[in-house]
Amino acid sequence: MSRCRIAISTGMLWMVLVAQAAWGGGPVTPEAAGLVDVTKAAPGVRLDIRYATPNNFTGVAVYPAPRCFLRTAVAKRLARVQADLEKQGLGLKVYDCYRPFSIQKKFWSLVPNEDWVAKPVEKNGKPVSGSKHNRGAAVDLTLVDAAGQEVPMPSGFDDFTEKARRDYTGGDPAARANAKRLEAAMVKEGFEPLPTEWWHFDGPGWEKDGLLDVPFN
């Protein structure tokens, strides 16, 4: 499939999702669903939304725009992490935030492995189980220096090897120390680290937030 056809198909998908949300009587915008734009809640946080580009494990852009939305409480915690890191000459760069449930289904079709992708489950046409990203309660990110350059980490983002695990003991000790530094900064503000991915953190109380399939652009 050409990139042109991929772009057209992605655009049509998002038009359909907006229409479906409207017909179902649910929210049709992230804001109406209780999500906030992180660039407004925490302006110092940098974005590198990989799924809006082909630079991700799928090889194609699956998001229509490089946007980052999170639940308000989660975004506020992230802003506090950013503020603390700035005092140390560091900052955050975000790879992924809220992810519509429809996109979760696409990911599962590409990588049906629950060690890396939460299995999307529906009942009577409604989401009942999926990723914490579908709830707007999870964020994937890394550390950057004062110039915005990523610091070394044990692996790249979306690495499906043991290097991505938090208990990995190989590789560069400095990179492992950077991952621990990121983890400590996030845990300080209540985030819960995922054992298999050094970049993934969940907001506390994520289970209280419902699964969403609201598109963004």
C-alpha atoms as a PDB file:
ATOM      1  CA  MET A   1       0.000   0.000   0.000  1.00  0.00           C
ATOM      2  CA  SER A   2       1.358   3.424  -0.917  1.00  0.00           C
ATOM      3  CA  ARG A   3       1.761   6.184   1.665  1.00  0.00           C
ATOM      4  CA  CYS A   4      -0.890   8.186  -0.198  1.00  0.00           C
ATOM      5  CA  ARG A   5      -3.434   5.395   0.124  1.00  0.00           C
ATOM      6  CA  ILE A   6      -2.518   4.937   3.794  1.00  0.00           C
ATOM      7  CA  ALA A   7      -3.101   8.649   4.430  1.00  0.00           C
ATOM      8  CA  ILE A   8      -6.480   8.571   2.686  1.00  0.00           C
ATOM      9  CA  SER A   9      -7.547   5.455   4.565  1.00  0.00           C
ATOM     10  CA  THR A  10      -6.514   6.979   7.898  1.00  0.00           C
ATOM     11  CA  GLY A  11      -8.449  10.154   7.153  1.00  0.00           C
ATOM     12  CA  MET A  12     -11.575   8.205   6.219  1.00  0.00           C
ATOM     13  CA  LEU A  13     -11.261   6.115   9.394  1.00  0.00           C
ATOM     14  CA  TRP A  14     -11.290   9.194  11.597  1.00  0.00           C
ATOM     15  CA  MET A  15     -14.301  10.656   9.802  1.00  0.00           C
ATOM     16  CA  VAL A  16     -16.161   7.414  10.474  1.00  0.00           C
ATOM     17  CA  LEU A  17     -15.136   7.428  14.142  1.00  0.00           C
ATOM     18  CA  VAL A  18     -16.426  10.966  14.639  1.00  0.00           C
ATOM     19  CA  ALA A  19     -19.725  10.031  13.021  1.00  0.00           C
ATOM     20  CA  GLN A  20     -20.033   6.892  15.149  1.00  0.00           C
ATOM     21  CA  ALA A  21     -19.438   8.843  18.345  1.00  0.00           C
ATOM     22  CA  ALA A  22     -22.103  11.351  17.389  1.00  0.00           C
ATOM     23  CA  TRP A  23     -24.647   8.672  16.477  1.00  0.00           C
ATOM     24  CA  GLY A  24     -23.992   6.855  19.752  1.00  0.00           C
ATOM     25  CA  GLY A  25     -24.651   9.977  21.788  1.00  0.00           C
ATOM     26  CA  GLY A  26     -21.144   9.906  23.306  1.00  0.00           C
ATOM     27  CA  PRO A  27     -18.521  12.662  23.388  1.00  0.00           C
ATOM     28  CA  VAL A  28     -17.094  13.617  20.010  1.00  0.00           C
ATOM     29  CA  THR A  29     -14.008  15.514  21.200  1.00  0.00           C
ATOM     30  CA  PRO A  30     -11.262  14.653  23.684  1.00  0.00           C
ATOM     31  CA  GLU A  31     -12.177  17.675  25.801  1.00  0.00           C
ATOM     32  CA  ALA A  32     -15.798  16.564  26.040  1.00  0.00           C
ATOM     33  CA  ALA A  33     -14.549  13.158  27.201  1.00  0.00           C
ATOM     34  CA  GLY A  34     -12.594  14.697  30.076  1.00  0.00           C
ATOM     35  CA  LEU A  35      -9.185  14.830  28.407  1.00  0.00           C
ATOM     36  CA  VAL A  36      -6.795  17.784  28.236  1.00  0.00           C
ATOM     37  CA  ASP A  37      -4.065  18.707  25.768  1.00  0.00           C
ATOM     38  CA  VAL A  38      -0.742  18.159  27.535  1.00  0.00           C
ATOM     39  CA  THR A  39       0.919  20.969  25.577  1.00  0.00           C
ATOM     40  CA  LYS A  40      -1.458  23.330  27.405  1.00  0.00           C
ATOM     41  CA  ALA A  41      -1.362  21.640  30.811  1.00  0.00           C
ATOM     42  CA  ALA A  42       2.432  21.201  30.785  1.00  0.00           C
ATOM     43  CA  PRO A  43       3.929  23.450  28.060  1.00  0.00           C
ATOM     44  CA  GLY A  44       7.512  22.412  28.857  1.00  0.00           C
ATOM     45  CA  VAL A  45       6.899  18.785  27.883  1.00  0.00           C
ATOM     46  CA  ARG A  46       8.183  17.946  24.407  1.00  0.00           C
ATOM     47  CA  LEU A  47       6.275  15.701  22.003  1.00  0.00           C
ATOM     48  CA  ASP A  48       7.474  12.943  19.695  1.00  0.00           C
ATOM     49  CA  ILE A  49       4.205  11.131  19.020  1.00  0.00           C
ATOM     50  CA  ARG A  50       5.555   8.124  17.163  1.00  0.00           C
ATOM     51  CA  TYR A  51       2.215   6.679  16.078  1.00  0.00           C
ATOM     52  CA  ALA A  52       1.512   9.830  14.060  1.00  0.00           C
ATOM     53  CA  THR A  53       4.545   8.917  11.924  1.00  0.00           C
ATOM     54  CA  PRO A  54       5.821   5.737  10.250  1.00  0.00           C
ATOM     55  CA  ASN A  55       8.591   5.643  12.894  1.00  0.00           C
ATOM     56  CA  ASN A  56       6.888   3.008  15.045  1.00  0.00           C
ATOM     57  CA  PHE A  57       6.533  -0.767  15.208  1.00  0.00           C
ATOM     58  CA  THR A  58       3.660  -0.795  12.675  1.00  0.00           C
ATOM     59  CA  GLY A  59       5.706   1.005  10.009  1.00  0.00           C
ATOM     60  CA  VAL A  60       2.804   3.363   9.168  1.00  0.00           C
ATOM     61  CA  ALA A  61       1.197   6.425  10.727  1.00  0.00           C
ATOM     62  CA  VAL A  62      -1.905   5.308  12.637  1.00  0.00           C
ATOM     63  CA  TYR A  63      -2.750   8.592  14.387  1.00  0.00           C
ATOM     64  CA  PRO A  64      -4.097  11.515  12.322  1.00  0.00           C
ATOM     65  CA  ALA A  65      -2.023  14.112  14.209  1.00  0.00           C
ATOM     66  CA  PRO A  66       0.830  14.288  16.749  1.00  0.00           C
ATOM     67  CA  ARG A  67      -1.381  15.156  19.726  1.00  0.00           C
ATOM     68  CA  CYS A  68      -1.120  14.208  23.385  1.00  0.00           C
ATOM     69  CA  PHE A  69      -4.281  14.071  25.502  1.00  0.00           C
ATOM     70  CA  LEU A  70      -4.529  12.791  29.078  1.00  0.00           C
ATOM     71  CA  ARG A  71      -7.016  12.816  31.920  1.00  0.00           C
ATOM     72  CA  THR A  72      -6.801  16.130  33.768  1.00  0.00           C
ATOM     73  CA  ALA A  73      -5.418  14.615  36.975  1.00  0.00           C
ATOM     74  CA  VAL A  74      -2.765  12.671  35.051  1.00  0.00           C
ATOM     75  CA  ALA A  75      -1.721  15.754  33.069  1.00  0.00           C
ATOM     76  CA  LYS A  76      -1.328  17.748  36.301  1.00  0.00           C
ATOM     77  CA  ARG A  77       0.939  15.079  37.743  1.00  0.00           C
ATOM     78  CA  LEU A  78       3.002  15.103  34.557  1.00  0.00           C
ATOM     79  CA  ALA A  79       3.344  18.883  34.783  1.00  0.00           C
ATOM     80  CA  ARG A  80       4.763  18.527  38.291  1.00  0.00           C
ATOM     81  CA  VAL A  81       7.267  15.920  37.098  1.00  0.00           C
ATOM     82  CA  GLN A  82       8.369  18.288  34.328  1.00  0.00           C
ATOM     83  CA  ALA A  83       8.770  21.167  36.783  1.00  0.00           C
ATOM     84  CA  ASP A  84      10.934  19.068  39.118  1.00  0.00           C
ATOM     85  CA  LEU A  85      13.117  17.805  36.264  1.00  0.00           C
ATOM     86  CA  GLU A  86      13.662  21.304  34.891  1.00  0.00           C
ATOM     87  CA  LYS A  87      15.348  22.191  38.182  1.00  0.00           C
ATOM     88  CA  GLN A  88      17.861  19.447  37.354  1.00  0.00           C
ATOM     89  CA  GLY A  89      18.438  20.595  33.788  1.00  0.00           C
ATOM     90  CA  LEU A  90      16.260  17.820  32.403  1.00  0.00           C
ATOM     91  CA  GLY A  91      12.776  17.394  30.963  1.00  0.00           C
ATOM     92  CA  LEU A  92      10.272  14.986  29.460  1.00  0.00           C
ATOM     93  CA  LYS A  93       9.617  13.932  25.888  1.00  0.00           C
ATOM     94  CA  VAL A  94       6.344  12.069  25.321  1.00  0.00           C
ATOM     95  CA  TYR A  95       5.906   9.266  22.788  1.00  0.00           C
ATOM     96  CA  ASP A  96       2.270   8.317  23.376  1.00  0.00           C
ATOM     97  CA  CYS A  97      -0.706   9.391  25.492  1.00  0.00           C
ATOM     98  CA  TYR A  98      -4.429   8.755  24.962  1.00  0.00           C
ATOM     99  CA  ARG A  99      -5.138   6.165  22.280  1.00  0.00           C
ATOM    100  CA  PRO A 100      -8.637   5.564  20.864  1.00  0.00           C
ATOM    101  CA  PHE A 101      -9.940   2.015  21.285  1.00  0.00           C
ATOM    102  CA  SER A 102     -10.234   1.579  17.511  1.00  0.00           C
ATOM    103  CA  ILE A 103      -6.488   2.137  17.180  1.00  0.00           C
ATOM    104  CA  GLN A 104      -5.901  -0.402  19.946  1.00  0.00           C
ATOM    105  CA  LYS A 105      -7.639  -2.992  17.793  1.00  0.00           C
ATOM    106  CA  LYS A 106      -5.321  -2.158  14.905  1.00  0.00           C
ATOM    107  CA  PHE A 107      -2.277  -2.596  17.144  1.00  0.00           C
ATOM    108  CA  TRP A 108      -3.554  -5.966  18.369  1.00  0.00           C
ATOM    109  CA  SER A 109      -4.007  -7.211  14.817  1.00  0.00           C
ATOM    110  CA  LEU A 110      -0.346  -6.354  14.167  1.00  0.00           C
ATOM    111  CA  VAL A 111       1.158  -7.579  17.461  1.00  0.00           C
ATOM    112  CA  PRO A 112      -1.212 -10.041  19.208  1.00  0.00           C
ATOM    113  CA  ASN A 113       1.067 -10.442  22.224  1.00  0.00           C
ATOM    114  CA  GLU A 114      -0.254  -9.368  25.620  1.00  0.00           C
ATOM    115  CA  ASP A 115       3.295  -8.786  26.884  1.00  0.00           C
ATOM    116  CA  TRP A 116       3.411  -5.742  24.609  1.00  0.00           C
ATOM    117  CA  VAL A 117      -0.120  -4.852  23.502  1.00  0.00           C
ATOM    118  CA  ALA A 118      -3.192  -4.920  25.730  1.00  0.00           C
ATOM    119  CA  LYS A 119      -5.858  -7.101  24.118  1.00  0.00           C
ATOM    120  CA  PRO A 120      -8.924  -5.074  23.114  1.00  0.00           C
ATOM    121  CA  VAL A 121     -12.164  -6.807  24.093  1.00  0.00           C
ATOM    122  CA  GLU A 122     -15.698  -5.736  23.160  1.00  0.00           C
ATOM    123  CA  LYS A 123     -19.112  -6.880  24.353  1.00  0.00           C
ATOM    124  CA  ASN A 124     -22.223  -5.969  22.418  1.00  0.00           C
ATOM    125  CA  GLY A 125     -20.146  -3.589  20.351  1.00  0.00           C
ATOM    126  CA  LYS A 126     -18.769  -1.671  23.350  1.00  0.00           C
ATOM    127  CA  PRO A 127     -15.192  -1.733  24.734  1.00  0.00           C
ATOM    128  CA  VAL A 128     -14.919  -3.678  27.989  1.00  0.00           C
ATOM    129  CA  SER A 129     -11.172  -4.271  28.213  1.00  0.00           C
ATOM    130  CA  GLY A 130      -8.153  -2.665  26.621  1.00  0.00           C
ATOM    131  CA  SER A 131      -5.096  -0.531  27.221  1.00  0.00           C
ATOM    132  CA  LYS A 132      -4.725   2.073  29.937  1.00  0.00           C
ATOM    133  CA  HIS A 133      -3.858   4.352  27.020  1.00  0.00           C
ATOM    134  CA  ASN A 134      -7.498   3.914  25.911  1.00  0.00           C
ATOM    135  CA  ARG A 135      -8.514   5.451  29.240  1.00  0.00           C
ATOM    136  CA  GLY A 136      -6.272   8.488  28.854  1.00  0.00           C
ATOM    137  CA  ALA A 137      -4.514   7.352  32.019  1.00  0.00           C
ATOM    138  CA  ALA A 138      -1.170   6.148  30.625  1.00  0.00           C
ATOM    139  CA  VAL A 139       1.813   7.894  29.114  1.00  0.00           C
ATOM    140  CA  ASP A 140       4.951   6.706  27.304  1.00  0.00           C
ATOM    141  CA  LEU A 141       7.954   8.998  27.627  1.00  0.00           C
ATOM    142  CA  THR A 142      11.668   9.520  28.095  1.00  0.00           C
ATOM    143  CA  LEU A 143      14.144  12.008  29.534  1.00  0.00           C
ATOM    144  CA  VAL A 144      15.763  14.835  27.593  1.00  0.00           C
ATOM    145  CA  ASP A 145      18.561  17.234  28.518  1.00  0.00           C
ATOM    146  CA  ALA A 146      18.241  21.030  28.645  1.00  0.00           C
ATOM    147  CA  ALA A 147      18.707  21.205  24.869  1.00  0.00           C
ATOM    148  CA  GLY A 148      15.878  18.737  24.268  1.00  0.00           C
ATOM    149  CA  GLN A 149      18.140  15.852  23.294  1.00  0.00           C
ATOM    150  CA  GLU A 150      17.167  12.392  24.501  1.00  0.00           C
ATOM    151  CA  VAL A 151      19.485  10.901  27.089  1.00  0.00           C
ATOM    152  CA  PRO A 152      20.635   7.289  26.591  1.00  0.00           C
ATOM    153  CA  MET A 153      18.206   4.590  27.706  1.00  0.00           C
ATOM    154  CA  PRO A 154      18.604   0.783  27.840  1.00  0.00           C
ATOM    155  CA  SER A 155      16.622   0.415  24.594  1.00  0.00           C
ATOM    156  CA  GLY A 156      14.679   2.414  22.077  1.00  0.00           C
ATOM    157  CA  PHE A 157      10.954   3.065  22.412  1.00  0.00           C
ATOM    158  CA  ASP A 158       8.756   0.059  21.601  1.00  0.00           C
ATOM    159  CA  ASP A 159      11.682  -2.336  21.813  1.00  0.00           C
ATOM    160  CA  PHE A 160      10.214  -5.823  22.180  1.00  0.00           C
ATOM    161  CA  THR A 161      13.316  -7.387  23.745  1.00  0.00           C
ATOM    162  CA  GLU A 162      14.443  -7.897  27.328  1.00  0.00           C
ATOM    163  CA  LYS A 163      16.350  -4.595  27.111  1.00  0.00           C
ATOM    164  CA  ALA A 164      13.044  -2.772  27.611  1.00  0.00           C
ATOM    165  CA  ARG A 165      12.355  -4.454  30.956  1.00  0.00           C
ATOM    166  CA  ARG A 166      12.934  -2.529  34.161  1.00  0.00           C
ATOM    167  CA  ASP A 167      14.861  -5.459  35.634  1.00  0.00           C
ATOM    168  CA  TYR A 168      17.297  -5.614  32.698  1.00  0.00           C
ATOM    169  CA  THR A 169      20.858  -5.724  34.011  1.00  0.00           C
ATOM    170  CA  GLY A 170      22.858  -5.628  30.782  1.00  0.00           C
ATOM    171  CA  GLY A 171      23.978  -2.872  28.468  1.00  0.00           C
ATOM    172  CA  ASP A 172      25.253   0.562  29.460  1.00  0.00           C
ATOM    173  CA  PRO A 173      25.125   1.253  33.221  1.00  0.00           C
ATOM    174  CA  ALA A 174      24.612   4.966  32.516  1.00  0.00           C
ATOM    175  CA  ALA A 175      21.559   4.181  30.386  1.00  0.00           C
ATOM    176  CA  ARG A 176      20.103   1.994  33.131  1.00  0.00           C
ATOM    177  CA  ALA A 177      20.721   4.813  35.601  1.00  0.00           C
ATOM    178  CA  ASN A 178      18.815   7.225  33.336  1.00  0.00           C
ATOM    179  CA  ALA A 179      15.861   4.834  33.230  1.00  0.00           C
ATOM    180  CA  LYS A 180      15.906   4.635  37.031  1.00  0.00           C
ATOM    181  CA  ARG A 181      16.067   8.425  37.247  1.00  0.00           C
ATOM    182  CA  LEU A 182      13.007   8.734  35.037  1.00  0.00           C
ATOM    183  CA  GLU A 183      11.197   6.097  37.068  1.00  0.00           C
ATOM    184  CA  ALA A 184      11.994   7.827  40.361  1.00  0.00           C
ATOM    185  CA  ALA A 185      10.735  11.176  39.058  1.00  0.00           C
ATOM    186  CA  MET A 186       7.473   9.642  37.865  1.00  0.00           C
ATOM    187  CA  VAL A 187       6.882   7.496  40.966  1.00  0.00           C
ATOM    188  CA  LYS A 188       7.397  10.575  43.147  1.00  0.00           C
ATOM    189  CA  GLU A 189       4.208  12.005  41.598  1.00  0.00           C
ATOM    190  CA  GLY A 190       2.236   8.778  41.999  1.00  0.00           C
ATOM    191  CA  PHE A 191       2.751   7.188  38.580  1.00  0.00           C
ATOM    192  CA  GLU A 192       2.933   3.389  38.408  1.00  0.00           C
ATOM    193  CA  PRO A 193       5.736   1.957  36.218  1.00  0.00           C
ATOM    194  CA  LEU A 194       5.048  -0.989  33.903  1.00  0.00           C
ATOM    195  CA  PRO A 195       7.638  -3.743  34.537  1.00  0.00           C
ATOM    196  CA  THR A 196       8.108  -4.681  30.873  1.00  0.00           C
ATOM    197  CA  GLU A 197       8.553  -1.168  29.417  1.00  0.00           C
ATOM    198  CA  TRP A 198      10.890   1.450  30.912  1.00  0.00           C
ATOM    199  CA  TRP A 199       8.960   4.212  29.087  1.00  0.00           C
ATOM    200  CA  HIS A 200       5.404   3.317  30.226  1.00  0.00           C
ATOM    201  CA  PHE A 201       3.703   4.806  33.302  1.00  0.00           C
ATOM    202  CA  ASP A 202       0.105   4.625  34.516  1.00  0.00           C
ATOM    203  CA  GLY A 203      -1.695   7.286  36.502  1.00  0.00           C
ATOM    204  CA  PRO A 204      -2.974   6.168  39.928  1.00  0.00           C
ATOM    205  CA  GLY A 205      -6.617   5.159  39.959  1.00  0.00           C
ATOM    206  CA  TRP A 206      -6.588   4.431  36.223  1.00  0.00           C
ATOM    207  CA  GLU A 207      -9.205   1.678  36.706  1.00  0.00           C
ATOM    208  CA  LYS A 208     -11.799   4.344  37.560  1.00  0.00           C
ATOM    209  CA  ASP A 209     -11.487   5.883  34.096  1.00  0.00           C
ATOM    210  CA  GLY A 210     -13.571   4.387  31.314  1.00  0.00           C
ATOM    211  CA  LEU A 211     -12.329   3.135  27.958  1.00  0.00           C
ATOM    212  CA  LEU A 212     -12.709   5.775  25.246  1.00  0.00           C
ATOM    213  CA  ASP A 213     -12.945   5.686  21.480  1.00  0.00           C
ATOM    214  CA  VAL A 214     -13.067   9.426  20.849  1.00  0.00           C
ATOM    215  CA  PRO A 215     -10.994  10.542  17.830  1.00  0.00           C
ATOM    216  CA  PHE A 216      -8.656  13.529  17.751  1.00  0.00           C
ATOM    217  CA  ASN A 217      -7.021  15.573  15.016  1.00  0.00           C
END
